[in-house]
Every structure is written in C-alpha cells, then in structure tokens.
N, C-alpha and C. Protein backbone atom coordinates (compact mmCIF):
# COMPACT_ATOMS: atom_id res chain seq x y z
N MET A 1 -18.95 -0.92 15.78
CA MET A 1 -17.93 -1.82 15.31
C MET A 1 -16.61 -1.47 15.97
N TYR A 2 -15.86 -2.48 16.37
CA TYR A 2 -14.57 -2.28 17.01
C TYR A 2 -13.47 -2.55 15.99
N TYR A 3 -12.55 -1.63 15.85
CA TYR A 3 -11.46 -1.75 14.89
C TYR A 3 -10.19 -2.20 15.60
N GLU A 4 -9.53 -3.20 15.04
CA GLU A 4 -8.28 -3.70 15.60
C GLU A 4 -7.12 -2.85 15.07
N TYR A 5 -6.33 -2.31 15.93
CA TYR A 5 -5.19 -1.52 15.50
C TYR A 5 -3.87 -2.10 16.00
N GLN A 6 -3.91 -3.13 16.81
CA GLN A 6 -2.69 -3.71 17.35
C GLN A 6 -1.83 -4.34 16.25
N TYR A 7 -2.48 -4.85 15.20
CA TYR A 7 -1.73 -5.45 14.11
C TYR A 7 -0.85 -4.43 13.40
N GLU A 8 -1.34 -3.22 13.29
CA GLU A 8 -0.56 -2.18 12.63
C GLU A 8 0.68 -1.82 13.44
N PHE A 9 0.55 -1.79 14.75
CA PHE A 9 1.73 -1.51 15.57
C PHE A 9 2.73 -2.66 15.49
N SER A 10 2.24 -3.89 15.35
CA SER A 10 3.13 -5.03 15.14
C SER A 10 3.85 -4.91 13.80
N ALA A 11 3.10 -4.47 12.78
CA ALA A 11 3.70 -4.27 11.46
C ALA A 11 4.77 -3.18 11.51
N LEU A 12 4.54 -2.14 12.29
CA LEU A 12 5.53 -1.09 12.45
C LEU A 12 6.79 -1.61 13.12
N LEU A 13 6.63 -2.51 14.08
CA LEU A 13 7.78 -3.11 14.74
C LEU A 13 8.60 -3.94 13.75
N VAL A 14 7.93 -4.75 12.95
CA VAL A 14 8.62 -5.57 11.95
C VAL A 14 9.31 -4.67 10.92
N LEU A 15 8.64 -3.59 10.50
CA LEU A 15 9.22 -2.66 9.54
C LEU A 15 10.45 -1.98 10.15
N SER A 16 10.39 -1.64 11.41
CA SER A 16 11.53 -1.03 12.08
C SER A 16 12.71 -1.99 12.15
N LEU A 17 12.43 -3.27 12.37
CA LEU A 17 13.50 -4.27 12.35
C LEU A 17 14.13 -4.38 10.97
N ALA A 18 13.31 -4.26 9.93
CA ALA A 18 13.85 -4.29 8.56
C ALA A 18 14.74 -3.09 8.31
N VAL A 19 14.36 -1.93 8.84
CA VAL A 19 15.19 -0.73 8.67
C VAL A 19 16.52 -0.91 9.38
N VAL A 20 16.51 -1.49 10.57
CA VAL A 20 17.75 -1.75 11.30
C VAL A 20 18.64 -2.70 10.50
N CYS A 21 18.05 -3.71 9.88
CA CYS A 21 18.82 -4.65 9.06
C CYS A 21 19.43 -3.95 7.85
N LEU A 22 18.77 -2.93 7.33
CA LEU A 22 19.34 -2.18 6.20
C LEU A 22 20.63 -1.48 6.59
N PHE A 23 20.71 -1.02 7.84
CA PHE A 23 21.93 -0.35 8.28
C PHE A 23 23.10 -1.33 8.41
N TYR A 24 22.80 -2.61 8.60
CA TYR A 24 23.85 -3.61 8.65
C TYR A 24 24.30 -4.04 7.25
N LYS A 25 23.53 -3.71 6.25
CA LYS A 25 23.85 -4.02 4.86
C LYS A 25 23.79 -2.71 4.07
N PRO A 26 24.73 -1.79 4.31
CA PRO A 26 24.63 -0.46 3.69
C PRO A 26 24.78 -0.47 2.18
N SER A 27 25.28 -1.55 1.60
CA SER A 27 25.42 -1.57 0.14
C SER A 27 24.07 -1.50 -0.56
N ILE A 28 23.05 -2.13 0.03
CA ILE A 28 21.69 -2.05 -0.54
C ILE A 28 21.18 -0.63 -0.49
N TYR A 29 21.38 0.01 0.66
CA TYR A 29 20.87 1.37 0.83
C TYR A 29 21.61 2.34 -0.08
N LYS A 30 22.91 2.16 -0.25
CA LYS A 30 23.68 3.06 -1.12
C LYS A 30 23.25 2.94 -2.57
N LYS A 31 22.96 1.70 -2.99
CA LYS A 31 22.61 1.48 -4.40
C LYS A 31 21.17 1.88 -4.71
N TYR A 32 20.25 1.59 -3.78
CA TYR A 32 18.82 1.82 -4.02
C TYR A 32 18.22 2.76 -2.98
N GLY A 33 19.00 3.69 -2.48
CA GLY A 33 18.61 4.54 -1.34
C GLY A 33 17.28 5.25 -1.48
N ARG A 34 17.07 5.93 -2.59
CA ARG A 34 15.85 6.71 -2.75
C ARG A 34 14.62 5.80 -2.83
N SER A 35 14.70 4.71 -3.59
CA SER A 35 13.56 3.80 -3.72
C SER A 35 13.24 3.13 -2.39
N VAL A 36 14.28 2.68 -1.69
CA VAL A 36 14.07 2.04 -0.38
C VAL A 36 13.47 3.04 0.59
N SER A 37 14.01 4.25 0.62
CA SER A 37 13.51 5.27 1.56
C SER A 37 12.05 5.61 1.29
N ASN A 38 11.71 5.80 0.03
CA ASN A 38 10.32 6.12 -0.31
C ASN A 38 9.37 4.99 0.07
N ALA A 39 9.74 3.76 -0.24
CA ALA A 39 8.87 2.62 0.08
C ALA A 39 8.71 2.47 1.59
N ILE A 40 9.79 2.58 2.34
CA ILE A 40 9.71 2.44 3.80
C ILE A 40 8.91 3.59 4.40
N PHE A 41 9.14 4.80 3.92
CA PHE A 41 8.39 5.95 4.42
C PHE A 41 6.89 5.76 4.20
N LEU A 42 6.50 5.32 3.01
CA LEU A 42 5.08 5.10 2.73
C LEU A 42 4.50 3.96 3.57
N CYS A 43 5.30 2.94 3.82
CA CYS A 43 4.84 1.85 4.70
C CYS A 43 4.58 2.37 6.11
N TYR A 44 5.47 3.23 6.61
CA TYR A 44 5.26 3.82 7.93
C TYR A 44 3.99 4.67 7.96
N ILE A 45 3.84 5.53 6.96
CA ILE A 45 2.65 6.40 6.90
C ILE A 45 1.38 5.56 6.80
N PHE A 46 1.41 4.55 5.94
CA PHE A 46 0.27 3.65 5.75
C PHE A 46 -0.14 3.01 7.07
N SER A 47 0.82 2.44 7.79
CA SER A 47 0.51 1.74 9.04
C SER A 47 0.10 2.71 10.15
N LEU A 48 0.80 3.82 10.26
CA LEU A 48 0.46 4.79 11.33
C LEU A 48 -0.93 5.38 11.14
N THR A 49 -1.25 5.80 9.92
CA THR A 49 -2.57 6.39 9.71
C THR A 49 -3.68 5.36 9.89
N ASP A 50 -3.42 4.11 9.49
CA ASP A 50 -4.41 3.06 9.70
C ASP A 50 -4.64 2.82 11.19
N ALA A 51 -3.57 2.77 11.95
CA ALA A 51 -3.70 2.53 13.40
C ALA A 51 -4.41 3.69 14.10
N PHE A 52 -4.02 4.92 13.77
CA PHE A 52 -4.62 6.06 14.46
C PHE A 52 -6.09 6.27 14.07
N THR A 53 -6.42 6.03 12.80
CA THR A 53 -7.85 6.15 12.45
C THR A 53 -8.67 5.05 13.11
N ALA A 54 -8.11 3.86 13.24
CA ALA A 54 -8.82 2.79 13.95
C ALA A 54 -9.05 3.17 15.41
N MET A 55 -8.05 3.79 16.02
CA MET A 55 -8.22 4.24 17.42
C MET A 55 -9.28 5.32 17.50
N LEU A 56 -9.29 6.24 16.53
CA LEU A 56 -10.31 7.30 16.54
C LEU A 56 -11.70 6.74 16.28
N PHE A 57 -11.81 5.81 15.35
CA PHE A 57 -13.12 5.20 15.06
C PHE A 57 -13.66 4.45 16.27
N ASN A 58 -12.79 3.88 17.07
CA ASN A 58 -13.24 3.16 18.27
C ASN A 58 -13.85 4.07 19.32
N THR A 59 -13.55 5.37 19.25
CA THR A 59 -14.14 6.30 20.22
C THR A 59 -15.60 6.61 19.89
N HIS A 60 -15.98 6.52 18.61
CA HIS A 60 -17.33 6.87 18.13
C HIS A 60 -17.72 8.29 18.53
N ASN A 61 -16.72 9.16 18.59
CA ASN A 61 -16.94 10.55 18.98
C ASN A 61 -16.92 11.43 17.73
N PRO A 62 -18.04 12.07 17.40
CA PRO A 62 -18.12 12.88 16.18
C PRO A 62 -17.16 14.06 16.14
N LYS A 63 -16.62 14.49 17.28
CA LYS A 63 -15.72 15.64 17.25
C LYS A 63 -14.39 15.32 16.57
N TYR A 64 -14.09 14.02 16.35
CA TYR A 64 -12.88 13.62 15.66
C TYR A 64 -13.10 13.41 14.17
N TYR A 65 -14.21 13.87 13.63
CA TYR A 65 -14.53 13.64 12.22
C TYR A 65 -13.48 14.24 11.29
N SER A 66 -13.13 15.50 11.47
CA SER A 66 -12.18 16.16 10.57
C SER A 66 -10.80 15.50 10.62
N LEU A 67 -10.34 15.18 11.82
CA LEU A 67 -9.05 14.52 11.95
C LEU A 67 -9.09 13.13 11.32
N SER A 68 -10.18 12.41 11.52
CA SER A 68 -10.31 11.07 10.92
C SER A 68 -10.34 11.16 9.40
N TYR A 69 -11.03 12.15 8.86
CA TYR A 69 -11.10 12.31 7.41
C TYR A 69 -9.72 12.62 6.84
N LEU A 70 -8.98 13.50 7.52
CA LEU A 70 -7.63 13.84 7.07
C LEU A 70 -6.72 12.61 7.12
N LEU A 71 -6.76 11.86 8.20
CA LEU A 71 -5.92 10.67 8.33
C LEU A 71 -6.30 9.60 7.31
N MET A 72 -7.59 9.44 7.05
CA MET A 72 -8.01 8.47 6.04
C MET A 72 -7.56 8.89 4.64
N SER A 73 -7.58 10.18 4.37
CA SER A 73 -7.10 10.66 3.06
C SER A 73 -5.61 10.38 2.91
N ILE A 74 -4.84 10.61 3.97
CA ILE A 74 -3.41 10.32 3.94
C ILE A 74 -3.18 8.81 3.80
N TYR A 75 -4.00 8.02 4.49
CA TYR A 75 -3.90 6.57 4.41
C TYR A 75 -4.11 6.10 2.97
N PHE A 76 -5.16 6.57 2.33
CA PHE A 76 -5.43 6.14 0.95
C PHE A 76 -4.40 6.69 -0.03
N LEU A 77 -3.91 7.89 0.23
CA LEU A 77 -2.87 8.45 -0.64
C LEU A 77 -1.60 7.60 -0.56
N SER A 78 -1.23 7.19 0.65
CA SER A 78 -0.05 6.32 0.78
C SER A 78 -0.32 4.94 0.18
N ALA A 79 -1.55 4.45 0.29
CA ALA A 79 -1.89 3.15 -0.30
C ALA A 79 -1.86 3.21 -1.82
N ILE A 80 -2.18 4.35 -2.39
CA ILE A 80 -2.15 4.51 -3.85
C ILE A 80 -0.70 4.50 -4.35
N TRP A 81 0.19 5.18 -3.64
CA TRP A 81 1.57 5.31 -4.12
C TRP A 81 2.49 4.19 -3.68
N LEU A 82 2.10 3.39 -2.70
CA LEU A 82 2.96 2.31 -2.22
C LEU A 82 3.30 1.29 -3.31
N PRO A 83 2.35 0.80 -4.12
CA PRO A 83 2.73 -0.14 -5.19
C PRO A 83 3.73 0.45 -6.19
N TYR A 84 3.60 1.73 -6.45
CA TYR A 84 4.51 2.38 -7.40
C TYR A 84 5.96 2.31 -6.89
N PHE A 85 6.16 2.72 -5.64
CA PHE A 85 7.52 2.75 -5.11
C PHE A 85 8.07 1.36 -4.82
N LEU A 86 7.22 0.42 -4.43
CA LEU A 86 7.68 -0.96 -4.27
C LEU A 86 8.08 -1.54 -5.63
N GLY A 87 7.28 -1.27 -6.64
CA GLY A 87 7.61 -1.74 -7.99
C GLY A 87 8.90 -1.12 -8.50
N LYS A 88 9.08 0.16 -8.23
CA LYS A 88 10.32 0.83 -8.66
C LYS A 88 11.53 0.19 -8.00
N PHE A 89 11.41 -0.10 -6.72
CA PHE A 89 12.51 -0.75 -6.00
C PHE A 89 12.79 -2.14 -6.56
N ILE A 90 11.75 -2.92 -6.81
CA ILE A 90 11.94 -4.28 -7.34
C ILE A 90 12.55 -4.23 -8.75
N PHE A 91 12.10 -3.30 -9.57
CA PHE A 91 12.66 -3.18 -10.91
C PHE A 91 14.12 -2.76 -10.86
N GLU A 92 14.48 -1.89 -9.90
CA GLU A 92 15.88 -1.48 -9.77
C GLU A 92 16.75 -2.64 -9.30
N ILE A 93 16.23 -3.47 -8.41
CA ILE A 93 17.00 -4.63 -7.97
C ILE A 93 17.26 -5.57 -9.14
N CYS A 94 16.27 -5.75 -9.99
CA CYS A 94 16.40 -6.63 -11.16
C CYS A 94 17.17 -5.96 -12.30
N GLU A 95 17.54 -4.70 -12.09
CA GLU A 95 18.23 -3.91 -13.10
C GLU A 95 17.43 -3.83 -14.40
N ALA A 96 16.15 -3.68 -14.24
CA ALA A 96 15.25 -3.55 -15.39
C ALA A 96 14.87 -2.09 -15.56
N LYS A 97 14.43 -1.75 -16.76
CA LYS A 97 14.01 -0.38 -17.04
C LYS A 97 12.66 -0.11 -16.39
N PHE A 98 12.56 1.01 -15.70
CA PHE A 98 11.33 1.41 -15.03
C PHE A 98 10.92 2.76 -15.60
N ASN A 99 9.82 2.79 -16.34
CA ASN A 99 9.33 4.02 -16.95
C ASN A 99 8.51 4.77 -15.91
N ASN A 100 9.11 5.79 -15.30
CA ASN A 100 8.46 6.52 -14.21
C ASN A 100 7.12 7.11 -14.59
N ILE A 101 7.05 7.76 -15.74
CA ILE A 101 5.82 8.44 -16.13
C ILE A 101 4.72 7.43 -16.47
N PHE A 102 5.06 6.38 -17.19
CA PHE A 102 4.07 5.38 -17.57
C PHE A 102 3.44 4.73 -16.34
N TYR A 103 4.27 4.34 -15.38
CA TYR A 103 3.76 3.67 -14.19
C TYR A 103 3.10 4.64 -13.21
N ALA A 104 3.42 5.91 -13.30
CA ALA A 104 2.87 6.89 -12.35
C ALA A 104 1.50 7.43 -12.77
N ILE A 105 1.12 7.30 -14.03
CA ILE A 105 -0.14 7.88 -14.51
C ILE A 105 -1.36 7.38 -13.73
N PRO A 106 -1.53 6.05 -13.51
CA PRO A 106 -2.70 5.63 -12.72
C PRO A 106 -2.68 6.17 -11.30
N ASN A 107 -1.48 6.28 -10.73
CA ASN A 107 -1.37 6.80 -9.37
C ASN A 107 -1.75 8.28 -9.30
N ILE A 108 -1.34 9.02 -10.30
CA ILE A 108 -1.67 10.45 -10.35
C ILE A 108 -3.18 10.62 -10.50
N VAL A 109 -3.79 9.85 -11.40
CA VAL A 109 -5.24 9.94 -11.61
C VAL A 109 -6.00 9.59 -10.33
N LEU A 110 -5.62 8.49 -9.68
CA LEU A 110 -6.29 8.10 -8.44
C LEU A 110 -6.08 9.13 -7.32
N SER A 111 -4.89 9.74 -7.26
CA SER A 111 -4.63 10.76 -6.26
C SER A 111 -5.50 11.99 -6.47
N VAL A 112 -5.66 12.39 -7.73
CA VAL A 112 -6.52 13.55 -8.03
C VAL A 112 -7.97 13.24 -7.67
N ILE A 113 -8.42 12.03 -7.99
CA ILE A 113 -9.80 11.64 -7.65
C ILE A 113 -9.97 11.65 -6.13
N LEU A 114 -8.99 11.10 -5.42
CA LEU A 114 -9.08 11.04 -3.95
C LEU A 114 -9.10 12.44 -3.34
N LEU A 115 -8.14 13.26 -3.71
CA LEU A 115 -8.02 14.58 -3.08
C LEU A 115 -9.05 15.58 -3.59
N GLY A 116 -9.45 15.45 -4.85
CA GLY A 116 -10.36 16.45 -5.42
C GLY A 116 -11.83 16.11 -5.35
N PHE A 117 -12.17 14.82 -5.41
CA PHE A 117 -13.57 14.47 -5.56
C PHE A 117 -14.14 13.55 -4.49
N ASN A 118 -13.31 12.97 -3.65
CA ASN A 118 -13.82 12.00 -2.68
C ASN A 118 -14.78 12.62 -1.68
N ASN A 119 -14.56 13.88 -1.33
CA ASN A 119 -15.44 14.53 -0.36
C ASN A 119 -16.87 14.64 -0.87
N PHE A 120 -17.04 14.72 -2.19
CA PHE A 120 -18.38 14.85 -2.77
C PHE A 120 -18.95 13.51 -3.24
N THR A 121 -18.08 12.66 -3.78
CA THR A 121 -18.56 11.42 -4.39
C THR A 121 -18.41 10.19 -3.49
N HIS A 122 -17.51 10.26 -2.52
CA HIS A 122 -17.23 9.14 -1.60
C HIS A 122 -16.82 7.88 -2.36
N LEU A 123 -16.04 8.07 -3.42
CA LEU A 123 -15.61 6.93 -4.22
C LEU A 123 -14.63 6.03 -3.47
N PHE A 124 -13.77 6.62 -2.63
CA PHE A 124 -12.82 5.81 -1.87
C PHE A 124 -13.37 5.43 -0.50
N PHE A 125 -13.89 6.41 0.21
CA PHE A 125 -14.41 6.15 1.55
C PHE A 125 -15.35 7.27 1.98
N ASP A 126 -16.08 7.00 3.02
CA ASP A 126 -16.92 7.99 3.67
C ASP A 126 -16.86 7.71 5.17
N ILE A 127 -17.10 8.73 5.94
CA ILE A 127 -17.15 8.58 7.40
C ILE A 127 -18.49 9.13 7.86
N ASP A 128 -19.23 8.28 8.54
CA ASP A 128 -20.53 8.70 9.08
C ASP A 128 -20.28 9.69 10.21
N LYS A 129 -20.80 10.91 10.06
CA LYS A 129 -20.53 11.97 11.03
C LYS A 129 -21.21 11.73 12.38
N SER A 130 -22.30 11.03 12.38
CA SER A 130 -23.05 10.89 13.64
C SER A 130 -22.35 9.99 14.65
N ASN A 131 -21.76 8.88 14.20
CA ASN A 131 -21.11 7.99 15.16
C ASN A 131 -19.70 7.60 14.74
N LEU A 132 -19.11 8.34 13.80
CA LEU A 132 -17.73 8.14 13.35
C LEU A 132 -17.49 6.71 12.89
N GLU A 133 -18.28 6.26 11.92
CA GLU A 133 -18.15 4.93 11.34
C GLU A 133 -17.57 5.06 9.94
N TYR A 134 -16.64 4.18 9.62
CA TYR A 134 -16.01 4.13 8.30
C TYR A 134 -16.91 3.39 7.32
N VAL A 135 -17.07 3.95 6.11
CA VAL A 135 -17.83 3.31 5.05
C VAL A 135 -16.93 3.23 3.83
N SER A 136 -16.75 2.03 3.32
CA SER A 136 -15.86 1.81 2.18
C SER A 136 -16.53 2.23 0.88
N GLY A 137 -15.74 2.80 -0.03
CA GLY A 137 -16.24 3.17 -1.34
C GLY A 137 -15.84 2.16 -2.39
N VAL A 138 -16.31 2.36 -3.60
CA VAL A 138 -16.04 1.40 -4.67
C VAL A 138 -14.60 1.48 -5.18
N PHE A 139 -13.96 2.63 -5.06
CA PHE A 139 -12.59 2.76 -5.53
C PHE A 139 -11.59 2.15 -4.57
N PHE A 140 -12.07 1.61 -3.46
CA PHE A 140 -11.19 0.89 -2.56
C PHE A 140 -10.53 -0.27 -3.32
N LEU A 141 -11.25 -0.84 -4.27
CA LEU A 141 -10.71 -1.94 -5.08
C LEU A 141 -9.62 -1.47 -6.03
N ALA A 142 -9.57 -0.17 -6.32
CA ALA A 142 -8.54 0.35 -7.23
C ALA A 142 -7.16 0.14 -6.64
N ILE A 143 -7.05 0.22 -5.33
CA ILE A 143 -5.76 0.01 -4.68
C ILE A 143 -5.33 -1.44 -4.83
N ASP A 144 -6.28 -2.36 -4.66
CA ASP A 144 -5.96 -3.76 -4.89
C ASP A 144 -5.55 -3.99 -6.35
N LEU A 145 -6.22 -3.33 -7.26
CA LEU A 145 -5.89 -3.44 -8.67
C LEU A 145 -4.47 -2.93 -8.94
N MET A 146 -4.08 -1.87 -8.25
CA MET A 146 -2.72 -1.34 -8.41
C MET A 146 -1.69 -2.39 -8.00
N PHE A 147 -1.96 -3.10 -6.90
CA PHE A 147 -1.04 -4.16 -6.47
C PHE A 147 -1.02 -5.31 -7.48
N VAL A 148 -2.17 -5.67 -8.01
CA VAL A 148 -2.22 -6.75 -9.01
C VAL A 148 -1.41 -6.34 -10.25
N LEU A 149 -1.55 -5.10 -10.69
CA LEU A 149 -0.76 -4.63 -11.83
C LEU A 149 0.73 -4.64 -11.52
N LEU A 150 1.07 -4.28 -10.26
CA LEU A 150 2.47 -4.34 -9.84
C LEU A 150 2.98 -5.78 -9.94
N TYR A 151 2.18 -6.73 -9.48
CA TYR A 151 2.61 -8.13 -9.50
C TYR A 151 2.73 -8.66 -10.91
N ILE A 152 1.86 -8.23 -11.80
CA ILE A 152 1.98 -8.64 -13.20
C ILE A 152 3.29 -8.11 -13.79
N GLY A 153 3.58 -6.84 -13.52
CA GLY A 153 4.84 -6.26 -14.00
C GLY A 153 6.06 -6.94 -13.41
N VAL A 154 6.01 -7.22 -12.11
CA VAL A 154 7.13 -7.91 -11.46
C VAL A 154 7.27 -9.33 -12.01
N GLY A 155 6.14 -10.00 -12.21
CA GLY A 155 6.19 -11.36 -12.75
C GLY A 155 6.79 -11.41 -14.14
N LEU A 156 6.39 -10.48 -15.00
CA LEU A 156 6.95 -10.43 -16.35
C LEU A 156 8.44 -10.08 -16.29
N ASN A 157 8.78 -9.19 -15.37
CA ASN A 157 10.18 -8.80 -15.21
C ASN A 157 11.00 -9.96 -14.67
N ALA A 158 10.45 -10.71 -13.72
CA ALA A 158 11.16 -11.86 -13.15
C ALA A 158 11.39 -12.93 -14.21
N LYS A 159 10.40 -13.11 -15.07
CA LYS A 159 10.55 -14.11 -16.13
C LYS A 159 11.65 -13.70 -17.11
N SER A 160 11.70 -12.42 -17.46
CA SER A 160 12.71 -11.96 -18.41
C SER A 160 14.10 -11.89 -17.77
N ASN A 161 14.19 -11.79 -16.45
CA ASN A 161 15.47 -11.73 -15.75
C ASN A 161 15.75 -13.00 -14.97
N TYR A 162 15.25 -14.11 -15.46
CA TYR A 162 15.37 -15.39 -14.75
C TYR A 162 16.83 -15.76 -14.47
N VAL A 163 17.71 -15.55 -15.45
CA VAL A 163 19.12 -15.91 -15.29
C VAL A 163 19.77 -15.03 -14.23
N PHE A 164 19.47 -13.74 -14.26
CA PHE A 164 20.07 -12.81 -13.31
C PHE A 164 19.58 -13.06 -11.88
N LEU A 165 18.28 -13.29 -11.72
CA LEU A 165 17.71 -13.46 -10.38
C LEU A 165 18.01 -14.84 -9.79
N GLY A 166 17.98 -15.84 -10.59
CA GLY A 166 18.17 -17.19 -10.08
C GLY A 166 16.84 -17.85 -9.77
N LYS A 167 16.87 -19.17 -9.71
CA LYS A 167 15.66 -19.96 -9.55
C LYS A 167 14.96 -19.70 -8.21
N VAL A 168 15.72 -19.60 -7.12
CA VAL A 168 15.13 -19.43 -5.79
C VAL A 168 14.44 -18.08 -5.67
N ARG A 169 15.08 -17.02 -6.15
CA ARG A 169 14.48 -15.69 -6.05
C ARG A 169 13.22 -15.57 -6.90
N VAL A 170 13.25 -16.14 -8.08
CA VAL A 170 12.06 -16.10 -8.95
C VAL A 170 10.92 -16.86 -8.29
N ARG A 171 11.20 -18.03 -7.73
CA ARG A 171 10.15 -18.79 -7.04
C ARG A 171 9.63 -18.04 -5.82
N THR A 172 10.51 -17.36 -5.11
CA THR A 172 10.08 -16.56 -3.96
C THR A 172 9.17 -15.43 -4.41
N LEU A 173 9.56 -14.72 -5.47
CA LEU A 173 8.72 -13.63 -5.99
C LEU A 173 7.36 -14.16 -6.44
N ILE A 174 7.35 -15.27 -7.13
CA ILE A 174 6.08 -15.84 -7.61
C ILE A 174 5.23 -16.30 -6.43
N GLY A 175 5.86 -16.91 -5.42
CA GLY A 175 5.12 -17.33 -4.22
C GLY A 175 4.49 -16.15 -3.50
N LEU A 176 5.24 -15.05 -3.36
CA LEU A 176 4.68 -13.85 -2.73
C LEU A 176 3.54 -13.26 -3.54
N MET A 177 3.69 -13.26 -4.86
CA MET A 177 2.63 -12.73 -5.71
C MET A 177 1.36 -13.57 -5.60
N VAL A 178 1.52 -14.88 -5.61
CA VAL A 178 0.34 -15.76 -5.50
C VAL A 178 -0.32 -15.56 -4.15
N PHE A 179 0.47 -15.47 -3.08
CA PHE A 179 -0.09 -15.25 -1.74
C PHE A 179 -0.84 -13.94 -1.67
N ASP A 180 -0.23 -12.86 -2.16
CA ASP A 180 -0.88 -11.54 -2.08
C ASP A 180 -2.13 -11.47 -2.95
N ILE A 181 -2.09 -12.05 -4.13
CA ILE A 181 -3.29 -12.04 -4.98
C ILE A 181 -4.39 -12.86 -4.33
N THR A 182 -4.03 -13.96 -3.65
CA THR A 182 -5.03 -14.75 -2.92
C THR A 182 -5.66 -13.93 -1.81
N VAL A 183 -4.86 -13.16 -1.09
CA VAL A 183 -5.39 -12.30 -0.03
C VAL A 183 -6.32 -11.24 -0.61
N ILE A 184 -5.94 -10.65 -1.74
CA ILE A 184 -6.79 -9.64 -2.39
C ILE A 184 -8.12 -10.26 -2.83
N LEU A 185 -8.06 -11.45 -3.42
CA LEU A 185 -9.30 -12.13 -3.82
C LEU A 185 -10.17 -12.46 -2.61
N TYR A 186 -9.55 -12.88 -1.52
CA TYR A 186 -10.31 -13.17 -0.31
C TYR A 186 -11.00 -11.91 0.20
N GLN A 187 -10.28 -10.78 0.22
CA GLN A 187 -10.89 -9.53 0.67
C GLN A 187 -12.06 -9.15 -0.22
N PHE A 188 -11.90 -9.31 -1.52
CA PHE A 188 -12.98 -8.99 -2.45
C PHE A 188 -14.20 -9.89 -2.21
N ILE A 189 -13.97 -11.18 -2.09
CA ILE A 189 -15.08 -12.12 -1.87
C ILE A 189 -15.75 -11.86 -0.52
N ASN A 190 -14.95 -11.61 0.49
CA ASN A 190 -15.50 -11.37 1.82
C ASN A 190 -16.30 -10.07 1.88
N ARG A 191 -15.85 -9.06 1.17
CA ARG A 191 -16.50 -7.75 1.24
C ARG A 191 -17.73 -7.65 0.36
N TYR A 192 -17.66 -8.20 -0.86
CA TYR A 192 -18.72 -7.93 -1.83
C TYR A 192 -19.60 -9.12 -2.17
N ILE A 193 -19.15 -10.33 -1.85
CA ILE A 193 -19.96 -11.49 -2.23
C ILE A 193 -20.62 -12.12 -1.01
N LEU A 194 -19.87 -12.28 0.08
CA LEU A 194 -20.45 -12.93 1.27
C LEU A 194 -21.26 -11.97 2.11
C-alpha cells in the first residue's frame, strides 16, 4: 500500500501561514497565548508525525519498525490531546468557563491506554513487522469521538453565547461542526462498513 504524505506537508504550509497571520494580530496571541501555542504545536506534531510515518511505511523496510512505532505513538498522543486544546481555545474566545480537569479525564485515560497497553493489545494501532504495514485498531474511533464531544461542547457553548458571538460566527461554527462530523461519519462508513 502506498501512503500519501504530500497532503500533510500542504497542511503544514497552511498552518505556517496561520502562524504568520497571528503575528500580524498580536492581540489574539497576547490574550490566548498559551491555548493558541498548545493547539498550533500539537497540529505541527500531528502533521509531521503523520507525514514521516507515511514516508517510512512507503519504504516497506522492517528496520524502521521501532522508529515508525515511536512516531505513530506520538501521532496518536497528539491526536488525543488536540481536541482538548482546540476546545480550550474556543471556550476562551467565547469567554466561557472551561473545566480543565473534567475535560482532560478522557484524554488522560486514552493516553495511559496508548502508552501503557497499546504494545500488547494493539487497541490504537499495530505495525506489521515483516513489511512495515500499518494496521488500525478499534480505539482509532476514540479520537473521532473526542472531536464529536468537542463539537457538542462548542455547539452548546455557541448557543449559550449567541449574543456575544453574533449570528455569522455561530453559523460558521455550526457549519464547521457539521462538515467535520460528516467527514468523521464518512471515515467510519468507509473503514468499517464498505
């Protein structure tokens, strides 16, 4: 199987342009600096590890097994925590209360399962040692579930802050949520039903 990694480098380019735009609007960075930094950092890690593991998988060389396993673990760890930091940033923009511990519990549990048990149970992923092929695990859907929970929280928050956000921003948030949930459903149907 051939893995496409060019899309990830394109995503990195777009993300870099967004970072440059942040420097032109320093008020956003000053107000939400830590949340923005964490979300952008995780996006970079997510895209870089995805691109490099795809490049390694394309070699089909078993000597890259350990490096591929390490990069895939980092990839899934960043994928687990990305919804948390994106949600924190969105809640801060809406000036809503964000309960760090409550929202972090599922991420902590999934991180422990990934780092402590994935090597034995292959719940998130497995890599075939003979030809360096990626095999998806059942907990891969947990990451999609984390994003769906994020969107539910953002949607409820947008509804309660309708006056503060304005009609256009609320519609934009709802449109993005519908689009992303549609993509998640498509991935689920494509992977497990078709």
